[in-house]
């Protein structure tokens, strides 16, 4: 395989960009601060703030846990719960799907980079790995964009959630704003999309795919093919002379001694 490391500098950077984006996607999935609710009633939510994520709802309280220490009280939201809004239910599915797509996308581009820097017999495996991995990364970024912007729209329009009574959450917040979870997720999605685009734009150098095919012309014992000889000689007579020189010239003196 020809030396290709100098052709993949952008892809090497794109790999690290995509890896950072994928890790940030995992962080965004685990963060509870997607939507921040402001609450005026401090009887239960003593901090005045409640955090709504895609998996759970949390707030600080010294009423539900202990009266001596302020602790974080959390309740988990299930996909099948009737009160779970559509944007959060979609986030639970699509963000996990984006995580899986990003994993396989990064695995594919790692295989392609390995082939470039360590070398294999086939250059086609590099382009296939980059195309497949880039497509998966691009799809992962788009997949995560959908729930992120859906939840962003819910915050901007100040949509409420009818929580179950055991959540101890008010029916509607006094105000809400975008939390770090959405911000981190959007930034991660941008990095993943950029990484996928870089790998999809990779092209092998011109002429690298052309294969050298051996000539089908038969060669004589001199190492010159009949086709090649016809190109370099000017006349049929010179070709015959060259063939005789290769095969050897009869020794006339030996023949005369043999006849005598």
Protein backbone atom coordinates (compact mmCIF):
# COMPACT_ATOMS: atom_id res chain seq x y z
CA UNK A 1 0.00 0.00 0.00
CA UNK A 2 1.42 3.45 -0.88
CA UNK A 3 2.25 6.01 1.79
CA UNK A 4 -0.95 7.90 2.62
CA UNK A 5 -0.31 9.45 6.04
CA UNK A 6 0.26 12.90 4.51
CA UNK A 7 -3.23 12.78 2.95
CA UNK A 8 -5.12 12.29 6.24
CA UNK A 9 -4.03 15.22 8.43
CA UNK A 10 -7.54 16.71 8.40
CA UNK A 11 -9.04 13.29 9.16
CA UNK A 12 -6.68 12.83 12.11
CA UNK A 13 -7.88 16.13 13.56
CA UNK A 14 -11.46 15.21 12.67
CA UNK A 15 -11.14 11.99 14.63
CA UNK A 16 -10.23 13.85 17.81
CA UNK A 17 -12.98 16.40 17.20
CA UNK A 18 -15.50 13.58 16.77
CA UNK A 19 -14.23 11.79 19.87
CA UNK A 20 -14.61 14.93 21.99
CA UNK A 21 -18.10 15.45 20.58
CA UNK A 22 -19.05 11.85 21.32
CA UNK A 23 -17.80 12.11 24.92
CA UNK A 24 -19.71 15.37 25.39
CA UNK A 25 -22.81 13.62 24.06
CA UNK A 26 -22.47 11.04 26.83
CA UNK A 27 -22.09 13.85 29.38
CA UNK A 28 -25.19 15.60 28.03
CA UNK A 29 -27.19 12.37 28.34
CA UNK A 30 -26.29 12.08 32.02
CA UNK A 31 -26.81 15.73 32.97
CA UNK A 32 -30.04 16.54 34.78
CA UNK A 33 -29.91 20.27 34.05
CA UNK A 34 -31.65 20.31 30.68
CA UNK A 35 -34.50 22.57 31.77
CA UNK A 36 -34.21 24.75 34.87
CA UNK A 37 -37.47 25.63 36.63
CA UNK A 38 -37.78 28.62 38.92
CA UNK A 39 -40.20 28.00 41.80
CA UNK A 40 -41.48 30.63 44.24
CA UNK A 41 -42.95 28.16 46.76
CA UNK A 42 -40.01 27.20 48.97
CA UNK A 43 -41.95 24.93 51.32
CA UNK A 44 -40.61 21.80 49.61
CA UNK A 45 -38.12 23.00 46.97
CA UNK A 46 -36.05 25.01 49.41
CA UNK A 47 -33.47 26.04 46.80
CA UNK A 48 -36.13 27.65 44.59
CA UNK A 49 -34.78 25.80 41.55
CA UNK A 50 -35.68 22.42 40.07
CA UNK A 51 -33.78 20.68 37.30
CA UNK A 52 -35.60 18.66 34.66
CA UNK A 53 -33.47 16.24 32.67
CA UNK A 54 -34.39 13.48 30.27
CA UNK A 55 -34.09 10.76 32.91
CA UNK A 56 -34.95 12.39 36.23
CA UNK A 57 -36.12 15.50 38.05
CA UNK A 58 -34.06 16.84 40.96
CA UNK A 59 -34.10 19.69 43.45
CA UNK A 60 -32.52 20.54 46.76
CA UNK A 61 -34.68 20.19 49.84
CA UNK A 62 -34.31 19.82 53.58
CA UNK A 63 -37.91 18.72 54.06
CA UNK A 64 -38.23 15.43 52.20
CA UNK A 65 -34.86 13.99 53.26
CA UNK A 66 -33.77 15.43 56.62
CA UNK A 67 -34.28 18.64 58.53
CA UNK A 68 -30.59 18.97 59.43
CA UNK A 69 -28.91 18.68 56.04
CA UNK A 70 -29.94 20.00 52.63
CA UNK A 71 -29.94 17.10 50.22
CA UNK A 72 -30.71 16.48 46.55
CA UNK A 73 -34.09 14.85 45.99
CA UNK A 74 -34.58 13.08 42.63
CA UNK A 75 -37.37 11.18 40.92
CA UNK A 76 -36.84 9.10 37.80
CA UNK A 77 -38.94 9.57 34.66
CA UNK A 78 -39.79 6.47 32.68
CA UNK A 79 -40.42 6.30 28.97
CA UNK A 80 -43.79 4.64 29.57
CA UNK A 81 -45.03 7.08 32.21
CA UNK A 82 -48.18 8.91 31.18
CA UNK A 83 -46.91 12.30 32.38
CA UNK A 84 -43.63 12.11 30.44
CA UNK A 85 -43.83 14.75 27.69
CA UNK A 86 -43.13 13.80 24.09
CA UNK A 87 -39.90 15.77 23.84
CA UNK A 88 -38.41 14.00 26.85
CA UNK A 89 -39.57 10.56 25.71
CA UNK A 90 -38.03 11.19 22.29
CA UNK A 91 -34.82 12.40 23.96
CA UNK A 92 -34.42 9.16 25.88
CA UNK A 93 -34.54 7.15 22.65
CA UNK A 94 -32.75 9.44 20.21
CA UNK A 95 -29.88 10.44 22.48
CA UNK A 96 -29.08 6.79 23.16
CA UNK A 97 -29.28 6.12 19.43
CA UNK A 98 -26.87 8.99 18.79
CA UNK A 99 -24.48 7.50 21.35
CA UNK A 100 -24.54 4.10 19.60
CA UNK A 101 -24.11 5.62 16.12
CA UNK A 102 -21.20 7.71 17.36
CA UNK A 103 -19.53 4.66 18.86
CA UNK A 104 -19.65 2.65 15.63
CA UNK A 105 -18.73 5.72 13.57
CA UNK A 106 -15.59 6.36 15.61
CA UNK A 107 -14.72 2.66 15.48
CA UNK A 108 -14.91 2.72 11.69
CA UNK A 109 -12.70 5.78 11.29
CA UNK A 110 -10.18 4.31 13.75
CA UNK A 111 -9.93 1.30 11.44
CA UNK A 112 -9.39 3.60 8.46
CA UNK A 113 -6.70 5.62 10.25
CA UNK A 114 -4.98 2.42 11.31
CA UNK A 115 -4.84 1.28 7.70
CA UNK A 116 -3.33 4.61 6.66
CA UNK A 117 -0.65 4.87 9.32
CA UNK A 118 0.30 1.19 9.47
CA UNK A 119 -0.39 0.33 5.83
CA UNK A 120 -2.35 -2.48 4.21
CA UNK A 121 -2.45 -3.96 0.73
CA UNK A 122 -5.81 -2.41 -0.16
CA UNK A 123 -6.50 1.33 -0.37
CA UNK A 124 -10.21 0.69 -0.92
CA UNK A 125 -10.63 -0.28 2.74
CA UNK A 126 -9.57 3.24 3.77
CA UNK A 127 -12.19 5.01 1.68
CA UNK A 128 -14.89 2.56 2.76
CA UNK A 129 -14.03 2.95 6.45
CA UNK A 130 -13.99 6.76 6.22
CA UNK A 131 -17.22 6.91 4.22
CA UNK A 132 -19.06 4.51 6.52
CA UNK A 133 -17.73 6.12 9.70
CA UNK A 134 -18.35 9.65 8.44
CA UNK A 135 -21.91 8.77 7.51
CA UNK A 136 -22.59 7.30 10.95
CA UNK A 137 -21.10 10.34 12.70
CA UNK A 138 -23.15 12.70 10.57
CA UNK A 139 -26.28 10.68 11.33
CA UNK A 140 -25.40 10.67 15.05
CA UNK A 141 -25.13 14.46 15.09
CA UNK A 142 -28.45 14.94 13.30
CA UNK A 143 -30.13 12.38 15.57
CA UNK A 144 -29.05 14.26 18.70
CA UNK A 145 -30.01 17.64 17.23
CA UNK A 146 -33.69 16.64 17.07
CA UNK A 147 -34.35 16.13 20.82
CA UNK A 148 -32.03 18.96 21.80
CA UNK A 149 -33.84 21.57 19.73
CA UNK A 150 -37.20 20.06 20.67
CA UNK A 151 -36.44 20.62 24.36
CA UNK A 152 -35.02 24.04 23.56
CA UNK A 153 -38.33 24.95 21.95
CA UNK A 154 -40.19 23.68 25.03
CA UNK A 155 -38.14 26.01 27.23
CA UNK A 156 -38.56 29.03 24.98
CA UNK A 157 -42.32 28.53 24.83
CA UNK A 158 -42.43 27.87 28.61
CA UNK A 159 -44.22 24.54 28.30
CA UNK A 160 -45.31 22.78 31.51
CA UNK A 161 -45.20 19.15 32.61
CA UNK A 162 -47.98 17.44 34.58
CA UNK A 163 -45.80 15.52 37.01
CA UNK A 164 -47.05 12.78 39.25
CA UNK A 165 -47.79 13.92 42.87
CA UNK A 166 -44.83 11.96 44.24
CA UNK A 167 -42.48 14.32 42.33
CA UNK A 168 -43.54 17.22 44.60
CA UNK A 169 -43.21 19.53 41.61
CA UNK A 170 -45.54 22.48 40.92
CA UNK A 171 -47.85 22.18 37.91
CA UNK A 172 -46.06 25.05 36.21
CA UNK A 173 -42.85 26.97 36.92
CA UNK A 174 -42.67 30.69 37.55
CA UNK A 175 -40.07 30.73 34.84
CA UNK A 176 -37.67 28.39 33.13
CA UNK A 177 -34.47 28.66 31.13
CA UNK A 178 -32.07 26.47 29.22
CA UNK A 179 -29.74 24.43 31.36
CA UNK A 180 -26.17 23.22 30.70
CA UNK A 181 -27.42 19.86 29.41
CA UNK A 182 -28.93 21.33 26.25
CA UNK A 183 -25.97 23.67 25.69
CA UNK A 184 -23.43 20.84 26.04
CA UNK A 185 -25.53 18.58 23.81
CA UNK A 186 -25.80 21.15 21.00
CA UNK A 187 -22.05 21.83 21.11
CA UNK A 188 -21.34 18.08 21.05
CA UNK A 189 -23.65 17.59 18.07
CA UNK A 190 -21.87 20.33 16.13
CA UNK A 191 -18.50 18.66 16.75
CA UNK A 192 -19.81 15.26 15.67
CA UNK A 193 -21.34 16.67 12.47
CA UNK A 194 -18.10 18.47 11.60
CA UNK A 195 -16.12 15.28 12.17
CA UNK A 196 -18.43 13.24 9.96
CA UNK A 197 -18.23 15.84 7.19
CA UNK A 198 -14.42 15.76 7.25
CA UNK A 199 -14.36 11.99 6.78
CA UNK A 200 -16.95 12.07 4.01
CA UNK A 201 -14.79 14.61 2.12
CA UNK A 202 -11.70 12.37 2.11
CA UNK A 203 -10.42 11.43 -1.34
CA UNK A 204 -7.43 9.39 -2.41
CA UNK A 205 -4.75 11.18 -4.48
CA UNK A 206 -5.25 11.24 -8.22
CA UNK A 207 -4.07 8.10 -10.03
CA UNK A 208 -3.62 6.08 -6.88
CA UNK A 209 -6.39 3.67 -7.78
CA UNK A 210 -4.91 2.84 -11.18
CA UNK A 211 -3.40 -0.62 -11.18
CA UNK A 212 -0.32 -1.63 -13.17
CA UNK A 213 -1.17 -4.56 -15.36
CA UNK A 214 1.59 -6.84 -16.74
CA UNK A 215 2.05 -6.97 -20.51
CA UNK A 216 0.53 -9.97 -22.22
CA UNK A 217 3.21 -10.12 -24.89
CA UNK A 218 5.55 -13.04 -24.75
CA UNK A 219 9.21 -12.39 -24.06
CA UNK A 220 12.11 -14.15 -25.66
CA UNK A 221 15.28 -15.29 -23.92
CA UNK A 222 16.94 -11.89 -24.37
CA UNK A 223 14.36 -10.25 -22.09
CA UNK A 224 12.88 -8.20 -24.96
CA UNK A 225 9.26 -8.73 -26.02
CA UNK A 226 8.37 -8.91 -29.66
CA UNK A 227 6.17 -5.86 -29.24
CA UNK A 228 8.94 -3.88 -27.57
CA UNK A 229 11.44 -4.90 -30.23
CA UNK A 230 9.14 -3.72 -32.97
CA UNK A 231 8.99 -0.29 -31.36
CA UNK A 232 12.74 0.18 -30.99
CA UNK A 233 14.00 -1.25 -34.31
CA UNK A 234 13.64 0.51 -37.59
CA UNK A 235 13.37 -2.44 -39.92
CA UNK A 236 12.59 -6.11 -39.98
CA UNK A 237 16.21 -6.86 -40.89
CA UNK A 238 17.55 -5.31 -37.67
CA UNK A 239 15.02 -7.29 -35.64
CA UNK A 240 16.19 -10.53 -37.18
CA UNK A 241 19.79 -9.62 -36.46
CA UNK A 242 18.99 -8.92 -32.83
CA UNK A 243 17.24 -12.27 -32.53
CA UNK A 244 20.27 -14.07 -33.93
CA UNK A 245 22.59 -12.30 -31.51
CA UNK A 246 20.45 -13.48 -28.67
CA UNK A 247 20.19 -17.08 -29.82
CA UNK A 248 23.87 -17.26 -30.80
CA UNK A 249 25.79 -17.29 -34.13
CA UNK A 250 27.08 -20.47 -35.69
CA UNK A 251 30.89 -20.95 -35.53
CA UNK A 252 31.86 -21.34 -39.19
CA UNK A 253 35.40 -22.55 -38.36
CA UNK A 254 33.95 -25.36 -36.24
CA UNK A 255 31.62 -26.36 -39.04
CA UNK A 256 34.52 -26.46 -41.60
CA UNK A 257 36.63 -28.69 -39.29
CA UNK A 258 33.66 -30.99 -38.78
CA UNK A 259 33.08 -31.29 -42.56
CA UNK A 260 36.77 -32.01 -43.24
